[in-house]
Amino acid sequence: MPDLRLLFWETTAGCNLACIHCRRLDIARTLMKDDLGLDESRRFLDSVAECRPANGPLILVLSGGEPLFRPDIFDLAAYGRSKGLIVSLATNGTLVDDEIADRIVESGMARVAISIDGADATTHDNFRKQPGALAAALEGFRRLRTRGVSMQINCTITRHNRHQVDDLYRLALDLGAEAMHLFMLVPVGCGVTIAESNMLPAEEYEAVLRWMYHRTLEGRLQMKATCAPHYFRIAAQERKAAGLSGAKAKAVDGHHPGHAALAANTKGCLAGQSVCFVSHKGDVFPCGYLPVPAGNVRVAPFRKIWETSPTFARLRDDDNLGGKCGVCEYKRICMGCRARAYHEHGDFMAEEPYCVYTPAKLHV
């Protein structure tokens, strides 16, 4: 049984923005009636805490929607911490005024991630469909940073901002972020409607991930690629080309010091293996972008779903991988994006459609 390391909880579907890439189609401007209530949420967190690994942390990310829509979000954070979970917050940052910033500090959240999807207001605000969104997000970021909160920037990379990756990197450094996570667009929810116009071609994904590898070597930020598991194949290729192996290879993959538990990179797609996602109404999914339910915490305890779901069992056996992923020599460190495979083929164990690499076994 693999250890659960990272759980994303969509605490509410309510949000004050209407981002064009949102994983949800039913965007709401208010709290949803079918959000898990406070008592249900506590029972859910009780069961999550039972999955804590014996040899490491379990990180709970409170997300949305916009989690700050929930008036009890700080109670939930405190409850999660009382159960031994490392609690973090993923927010668009626009609601972080001085009072909210103080409450975030008081709640003891380990890190706050704010989404920045453009290095200038036009690029970010158009993506987030809200004038002034970037200015508000940056104000929220600075309020938290001056209070000593560990800060992370999440960037969804598409054609709209591909040319700005260097500017976004410099912005993260200038703001004093500890981490920068790059999210590669997955066609789900609203993301389906912009996939054709906004998704990068496979070759461009490759170029961005190689760029990220070399930024990682600088050791100035914790860098992580999300929904881009072939980064690990790229990193292995780059190390091999540089003649690095063993301890030397690990040494060059430097990270900004501090908060090591929040920087763990183990392999590519971890959906249903050490990562999972729980929706605002309790549905359990392998990740937030793979709409294949494994159960519902209103029906069964989370721990039972995590341990017995046939969906998770299938994901945990890389011998089930199909197409070129199934014969790839890098499959155990990559796995391919199971969500993009599902969108493209209707089978979440099919081959990753946005990978340019041809496995050695397929060379003629």
Protein backbone atom coordinates (compact mmCIF):
# COMPACT_ATOMS: atom_id res chain seq x y z
CA MET A 1 0.00 0.00 0.00
CA PRO A 2 1.64 3.28 -1.07
CA ASP A 3 1.79 6.12 1.44
CA LEU A 4 -0.52 9.08 0.93
CA ARG A 5 1.72 12.16 0.91
CA LEU A 6 -0.36 14.95 -0.58
CA LEU A 7 -4.11 15.50 -0.49
CA PHE A 8 -5.83 18.37 -2.27
CA TRP A 9 -9.23 19.23 -0.85
CA GLU A 10 -11.60 21.44 -2.81
CA THR A 11 -13.14 22.96 0.31
CA THR A 12 -15.75 24.84 -1.72
CA ALA A 13 -16.69 25.33 -5.37
CA GLY A 14 -17.45 29.00 -4.70
CA CYS A 15 -15.01 31.53 -6.15
CA ASN A 16 -14.80 35.25 -6.86
CA LEU A 17 -13.05 34.68 -10.22
CA ALA A 18 -14.01 32.85 -13.42
CA CYS A 19 -10.66 31.66 -14.77
CA ILE A 20 -10.71 30.31 -18.31
CA HIS A 21 -8.74 27.18 -17.34
CA CYS A 22 -10.74 26.22 -14.23
CA ARG A 23 -11.14 22.51 -13.64
CA ARG A 24 -14.81 23.21 -12.92
CA LEU A 25 -17.57 24.02 -15.40
CA ASP A 26 -20.15 25.01 -12.75
CA ILE A 27 -18.35 28.09 -11.42
CA ALA A 28 -20.28 29.64 -8.52
CA ARG A 29 -19.95 33.07 -6.94
CA THR A 30 -21.25 31.82 -3.59
CA LEU A 31 -20.73 28.86 -1.27
CA MET A 32 -22.36 25.71 -2.62
CA LYS A 33 -25.13 23.98 -0.69
CA ASP A 34 -23.48 20.62 -1.24
CA ASP A 35 -20.08 21.64 0.19
CA LEU A 36 -19.06 19.34 3.01
CA GLY A 37 -20.32 20.88 6.25
CA LEU A 38 -18.13 21.53 9.28
CA ASP A 39 -18.99 18.28 11.08
CA GLU A 40 -18.68 16.26 7.86
CA SER A 41 -15.35 17.94 7.19
CA ARG A 42 -14.02 17.03 10.62
CA ARG A 43 -15.01 13.38 10.17
CA PHE A 44 -13.33 13.42 6.77
CA LEU A 45 -10.12 14.85 8.26
CA ASP A 46 -10.23 12.24 11.03
CA SER A 47 -10.09 9.54 8.37
CA VAL A 48 -7.39 11.36 6.39
CA ALA A 49 -5.23 11.52 9.51
CA GLU A 50 -5.46 7.74 9.79
CA CYS A 51 -3.51 7.59 6.50
CA ARG A 52 -0.49 9.49 7.84
CA PRO A 53 2.69 7.73 6.74
CA ALA A 54 4.86 6.24 9.47
CA ASN A 55 8.02 7.72 7.95
CA GLY A 56 7.02 11.17 6.75
CA PRO A 57 4.42 13.93 6.61
CA LEU A 58 0.99 14.07 5.02
CA ILE A 59 0.32 17.47 3.45
CA LEU A 60 -3.25 18.75 3.24
CA VAL A 61 -3.79 21.53 0.70
CA LEU A 62 -6.96 23.55 1.27
CA SER A 63 -8.06 24.66 -2.18
CA GLY A 64 -11.18 25.56 -4.11
CA GLY A 65 -12.82 27.32 -5.83
CA GLU A 66 -11.54 29.94 -3.50
CA PRO A 67 -11.02 28.43 -0.03
CA LEU A 68 -11.19 31.85 1.63
CA PHE A 69 -14.88 31.89 0.66
CA ARG A 70 -15.45 29.46 3.55
CA PRO A 71 -15.96 31.33 6.83
CA ASP A 72 -14.78 28.24 8.73
CA ILE A 73 -11.60 27.70 6.68
CA PHE A 74 -9.36 28.64 9.60
CA ASP A 75 -11.24 26.27 11.92
CA LEU A 76 -10.65 23.51 9.36
CA ALA A 77 -6.96 24.39 9.15
CA ALA A 78 -6.62 24.27 12.92
CA TYR A 79 -8.46 20.95 13.07
CA GLY A 80 -6.22 19.46 10.40
CA ARG A 81 -3.14 20.59 12.27
CA SER A 82 -4.49 19.09 15.51
CA LYS A 83 -4.60 15.76 13.67
CA GLY A 84 -0.93 15.95 12.76
CA LEU A 85 -1.38 17.09 9.16
CA ILE A 86 0.78 19.74 7.49
CA VAL A 87 -1.78 22.25 6.27
CA SER A 88 -1.27 24.59 3.33
CA LEU A 89 -3.53 26.98 1.44
CA ALA A 90 -3.96 27.42 -2.33
CA THR A 91 -5.68 30.71 -3.12
CA ASN A 92 -5.97 33.26 -5.91
CA GLY A 93 -4.75 35.81 -3.37
CA THR A 94 -7.23 38.55 -4.18
CA LEU A 95 -9.08 38.28 -0.85
CA VAL A 96 -6.00 38.47 1.37
CA ASP A 97 -6.43 41.76 3.20
CA ASP A 98 -4.63 42.55 6.48
CA GLU A 99 -7.24 40.77 8.61
CA ILE A 100 -7.16 37.61 6.49
CA ALA A 101 -3.35 37.68 6.43
CA ASP A 102 -3.27 37.83 10.22
CA ARG A 103 -5.70 34.92 10.48
CA ILE A 104 -3.62 32.84 8.08
CA VAL A 105 -0.58 33.44 10.28
CA GLU A 106 -2.53 32.61 13.44
CA SER A 107 -3.82 29.39 11.88
CA GLY A 108 -0.24 28.14 11.47
CA MET A 109 -0.50 27.18 7.82
CA ALA A 110 2.83 25.83 6.60
CA ARG A 111 2.67 27.53 3.21
CA VAL A 112 0.38 29.64 1.05
CA ALA A 113 0.37 29.20 -2.74
CA ILE A 114 -0.94 32.09 -4.84
CA SER A 115 -1.64 31.64 -8.54
CA ILE A 116 0.15 34.07 -10.85
CA ASP A 117 -0.55 33.34 -14.52
CA GLY A 118 1.03 36.35 -16.14
CA ALA A 119 3.98 38.63 -15.50
CA ASP A 120 1.87 41.68 -16.34
CA ALA A 121 -1.70 42.70 -15.54
CA THR A 122 -3.06 42.22 -19.05
CA THR A 123 -1.83 38.63 -19.33
CA HIS A 124 -2.89 37.55 -15.83
CA ASP A 125 -6.18 39.44 -15.65
CA ASN A 126 -7.38 38.20 -19.04
CA PHE A 127 -6.64 34.61 -17.98
CA ARG A 128 -8.43 35.12 -14.66
CA LYS A 129 -11.29 37.14 -16.21
CA GLN A 130 -11.04 39.85 -13.55
CA PRO A 131 -9.55 43.34 -14.01
CA GLY A 132 -7.20 44.12 -11.15
CA ALA A 133 -6.70 40.45 -10.26
CA LEU A 134 -2.91 40.56 -10.56
CA ALA A 135 -2.55 43.72 -8.47
CA ALA A 136 -4.78 42.23 -5.75
CA ALA A 137 -2.93 38.90 -5.81
CA LEU A 138 0.45 40.61 -5.48
CA GLU A 139 -0.81 42.74 -2.60
CA GLY A 140 -2.03 39.60 -0.86
CA PHE A 141 1.30 37.88 -1.52
CA ARG A 142 3.29 40.76 -0.03
CA ARG A 143 1.04 40.98 3.04
CA LEU A 144 1.73 37.35 3.81
CA ARG A 145 5.42 37.49 2.97
CA THR A 146 6.03 40.44 5.29
CA ARG A 147 4.38 38.37 8.04
CA GLY A 148 6.92 35.59 7.51
CA VAL A 149 4.66 33.10 5.74
CA SER A 150 6.35 30.58 3.43
CA MET A 151 5.08 31.55 -0.03
CA GLN A 152 4.70 29.69 -3.30
CA ILE A 153 3.73 30.87 -6.77
CA ASN A 154 1.66 28.57 -9.00
CA CYS A 155 1.85 29.31 -12.73
CA THR A 156 -0.33 27.63 -15.33
CA ILE A 157 1.74 27.69 -18.53
CA THR A 158 -0.10 27.90 -21.85
CA ARG A 159 0.39 29.78 -25.09
CA HIS A 160 -0.81 32.95 -23.38
CA ASN A 161 2.28 33.22 -21.16
CA ARG A 162 4.87 30.83 -22.60
CA HIS A 163 6.99 33.84 -23.59
CA GLN A 164 6.96 35.10 -19.99
CA VAL A 165 8.52 32.18 -18.12
CA ASP A 166 11.74 34.10 -17.46
CA ASP A 167 9.76 37.12 -16.27
CA LEU A 168 7.61 34.92 -14.00
CA TYR A 169 10.74 33.33 -12.55
CA ARG A 170 12.25 36.74 -11.81
CA LEU A 171 8.95 37.89 -10.31
CA ALA A 172 8.94 34.90 -7.96
CA LEU A 173 12.48 35.73 -6.86
CA ASP A 174 11.72 39.43 -6.44
CA LEU A 175 8.67 38.64 -4.31
CA GLY A 176 10.67 36.39 -2.01
CA ALA A 177 8.83 33.19 -2.90
CA GLU A 178 10.31 29.93 -1.65
CA ALA A 179 8.75 27.85 -4.40
CA MET A 180 7.49 28.07 -7.96
CA HIS A 181 5.26 25.34 -9.34
CA LEU A 182 4.56 25.15 -13.06
CA PHE A 183 1.21 23.65 -14.04
CA MET A 184 0.81 22.34 -17.57
CA LEU A 185 -2.77 22.74 -18.78
CA VAL A 186 -4.96 19.64 -18.67
CA PRO A 187 -8.17 19.60 -20.73
CA VAL A 188 -10.78 19.28 -17.98
CA GLY A 189 -13.68 21.53 -16.97
CA CYS A 190 -13.29 24.97 -18.54
CA GLY A 191 -9.86 23.85 -19.72
CA VAL A 192 -11.52 21.73 -22.42
CA THR A 193 -12.87 24.85 -24.13
CA ILE A 194 -9.43 26.45 -24.43
CA ALA A 195 -7.39 23.31 -25.10
CA GLU A 196 -7.16 23.79 -28.86
CA SER A 197 -6.24 27.47 -28.64
CA ASN A 198 -4.09 27.48 -25.51
CA MET A 199 -2.36 24.14 -24.97
CA LEU A 200 1.30 24.13 -25.89
CA PRO A 201 2.43 21.68 -28.57
CA ALA A 202 4.38 18.73 -27.18
CA GLU A 203 7.68 20.22 -28.37
CA GLU A 204 6.97 23.43 -26.47
CA TYR A 205 6.16 21.48 -23.30
CA GLU A 206 9.54 19.83 -23.70
CA ALA A 207 11.30 23.19 -24.06
CA VAL A 208 9.60 24.66 -20.99
CA LEU A 209 10.48 21.64 -18.88
CA ARG A 210 14.12 21.76 -19.95
CA TRP A 211 14.11 25.47 -19.06
CA MET A 212 12.71 24.53 -15.65
CA TYR A 213 15.39 21.89 -15.10
CA HIS A 214 18.13 24.45 -15.56
CA ARG A 215 16.39 26.93 -13.25
CA THR A 216 16.23 24.15 -10.66
CA LEU A 217 20.00 23.78 -10.84
CA GLU A 218 20.36 27.39 -9.71
CA GLY A 219 18.97 26.35 -6.33
CA ARG A 220 17.22 29.68 -5.78
CA LEU A 221 13.67 28.33 -5.65
CA GLN A 222 11.94 25.03 -5.02
CA MET A 223 10.80 24.19 -8.56
CA LYS A 224 8.16 21.62 -9.34
CA ALA A 225 6.39 20.59 -12.55
CA THR A 226 2.75 19.62 -12.08
CA CYS A 227 0.82 17.66 -14.70
CA ALA A 228 4.11 17.32 -16.57
CA PRO A 229 5.54 13.97 -15.43
CA HIS A 230 7.95 13.74 -18.37
CA TYR A 231 10.01 16.36 -16.52
CA PHE A 232 11.60 13.44 -14.67
CA ARG A 233 12.59 11.80 -17.94
CA ILE A 234 14.04 15.12 -19.10
CA ALA A 235 15.97 15.55 -15.84
CA ALA A 236 17.42 12.04 -16.19
CA GLN A 237 18.44 12.75 -19.78
CA GLU A 238 20.08 16.05 -18.82
CA ARG A 239 22.04 14.44 -15.99
CA LYS A 240 23.20 11.64 -18.26
CA ALA A 241 24.30 14.14 -20.91
CA ALA A 242 26.30 16.00 -18.23
CA GLY A 243 27.95 12.77 -17.11
CA LEU A 244 26.32 12.85 -13.69
CA SER A 245 25.15 9.84 -11.73
CA GLY A 246 24.48 8.72 -8.17
CA ALA A 247 25.29 11.26 -5.48
CA LYS A 248 26.57 13.78 -8.02
CA ALA A 249 23.26 13.69 -9.88
CA LYS A 250 21.35 14.33 -6.67
CA ALA A 251 23.70 17.14 -5.70
CA VAL A 252 22.96 19.21 -8.80
CA ASP A 253 19.22 19.03 -8.23
CA GLY A 254 19.51 21.73 -5.60
CA HIS A 255 16.52 23.34 -3.92
CA HIS A 256 16.07 26.58 -2.06
CA PRO A 257 16.67 25.61 1.59
CA GLY A 258 13.88 25.23 4.11
CA HIS A 259 10.49 23.51 4.22
CA ALA A 260 11.90 20.29 2.80
CA ALA A 261 8.63 18.43 3.44
CA LEU A 262 6.90 20.78 1.00
CA ALA A 263 9.51 20.32 -1.73
CA ALA A 264 9.48 16.55 -2.17
CA ASN A 265 9.85 15.44 -5.79
CA THR A 266 9.78 11.69 -6.21
CA LYS A 267 8.55 10.89 -9.71
CA GLY A 268 6.10 12.08 -12.33
CA CYS A 269 2.40 11.24 -12.18
CA LEU A 270 1.47 10.33 -8.61
CA ALA A 271 -2.31 10.33 -9.10
CA GLY A 272 -3.87 7.71 -6.87
CA GLN A 273 -0.42 6.61 -5.68
CA SER A 274 0.73 9.20 -3.18
CA VAL A 275 -1.58 12.02 -4.27
CA CYS A 276 -5.34 12.35 -4.45
CA PHE A 277 -8.06 14.96 -4.67
CA VAL A 278 -11.36 15.30 -2.78
CA SER A 279 -14.10 17.49 -4.22
CA HIS A 280 -16.25 19.97 -2.33
CA LYS A 281 -19.02 17.38 -2.07
CA GLY A 282 -16.79 14.52 -1.02
CA ASP A 283 -16.01 12.73 -4.26
CA VAL A 284 -12.52 11.20 -4.23
CA PHE A 285 -10.45 11.35 -7.42
CA PRO A 286 -6.88 10.29 -8.28
CA CYS A 287 -6.09 13.97 -8.90
CA GLY A 288 -7.99 17.16 -9.54
CA TYR A 289 -7.74 16.76 -13.31
CA LEU A 290 -8.72 13.11 -13.71
CA PRO A 291 -12.54 12.93 -13.42
CA VAL A 292 -12.74 9.22 -12.55
CA PRO A 293 -14.30 8.88 -9.07
CA ALA A 294 -12.94 6.32 -6.64
CA GLY A 295 -15.64 6.83 -3.98
CA ASN A 296 -17.28 9.46 -1.80
CA VAL A 297 -16.40 10.30 1.80
CA ARG A 298 -20.10 10.78 2.61
CA VAL A 299 -20.60 7.12 1.78
CA ALA A 300 -17.38 5.52 3.03
CA PRO A 301 -14.46 6.64 5.20
CA PHE A 302 -11.65 8.21 3.21
CA ARG A 303 -9.14 5.66 4.46
CA LYS A 304 -11.22 2.78 3.11
CA ILE A 305 -11.47 4.44 -0.30
CA TRP A 306 -7.73 5.11 -0.38
CA GLU A 307 -6.88 1.52 0.53
CA THR A 308 -9.47 -0.44 -1.47
CA SER A 309 -10.47 1.56 -4.57
CA PRO A 310 -10.08 -0.48 -7.79
CA THR A 311 -9.34 2.78 -9.62
CA PHE A 312 -6.39 3.46 -7.36
CA ALA A 313 -5.23 -0.15 -7.59
CA ARG A 314 -5.07 0.10 -11.37
CA LEU A 315 -3.09 3.34 -11.24
CA ARG A 316 -0.60 1.86 -8.79
CA ASP A 317 0.57 -0.86 -11.18
CA ASP A 318 2.71 0.61 -13.96
CA ASP A 319 2.41 -2.67 -15.84
CA ASN A 320 -1.08 -1.44 -16.74
CA LEU A 321 0.33 1.42 -18.80
CA GLY A 322 -0.51 1.21 -22.49
CA GLY A 323 0.96 2.49 -25.73
CA LYS A 324 4.47 3.83 -25.76
CA CYS A 325 4.25 4.61 -22.02
CA GLY A 326 3.95 0.89 -21.37
CA VAL A 327 7.27 0.08 -23.05
CA CYS A 328 9.15 3.25 -22.09
CA GLU A 329 12.36 2.79 -20.12
CA TYR A 330 11.45 5.89 -18.09
CA LYS A 331 7.95 4.79 -17.14
CA ARG A 332 8.71 4.16 -13.48
CA ILE A 333 9.93 7.71 -12.95
CA CYS A 334 7.43 9.36 -15.29
CA MET A 335 4.16 7.41 -15.74
CA GLY A 336 2.90 9.99 -18.23
CA CYS A 337 -0.01 12.28 -17.36
CA ARG A 338 -2.94 9.98 -16.64
CA ALA A 339 -5.41 12.88 -16.92
CA ARG A 340 -4.32 13.90 -20.41
CA ALA A 341 -4.34 10.24 -21.45
CA TYR A 342 -7.94 9.99 -20.24
CA HIS A 343 -9.00 13.12 -22.12
CA GLU A 344 -7.32 11.97 -25.32
CA HIS A 345 -8.12 8.24 -25.28
CA GLY A 346 -10.91 7.70 -22.73
CA ASP A 347 -8.52 5.38 -20.86
CA PHE A 348 -6.44 6.78 -18.02
CA MET A 349 -3.78 4.10 -18.51
CA ALA A 350 -3.27 4.89 -22.20
CA GLU A 351 -0.15 6.65 -23.43
CA GLU A 352 0.59 10.29 -22.64
CA PRO A 353 -0.37 12.29 -25.76
CA TYR A 354 1.93 15.27 -25.08
CA CYS A 355 5.31 13.57 -24.96
CA VAL A 356 7.77 13.71 -27.86
CA TYR A 357 10.02 10.92 -26.60
CA THR A 358 10.21 7.63 -28.48
CA PRO A 359 11.13 4.73 -26.17
CA ALA A 360 14.22 2.70 -27.07
CA LYS A 361 12.10 -0.42 -27.68
CA LEU A 362 10.22 1.36 -30.45
CA HIS A 363 13.30 2.39 -32.41
CA VAL A 364 13.70 0.35 -35.56
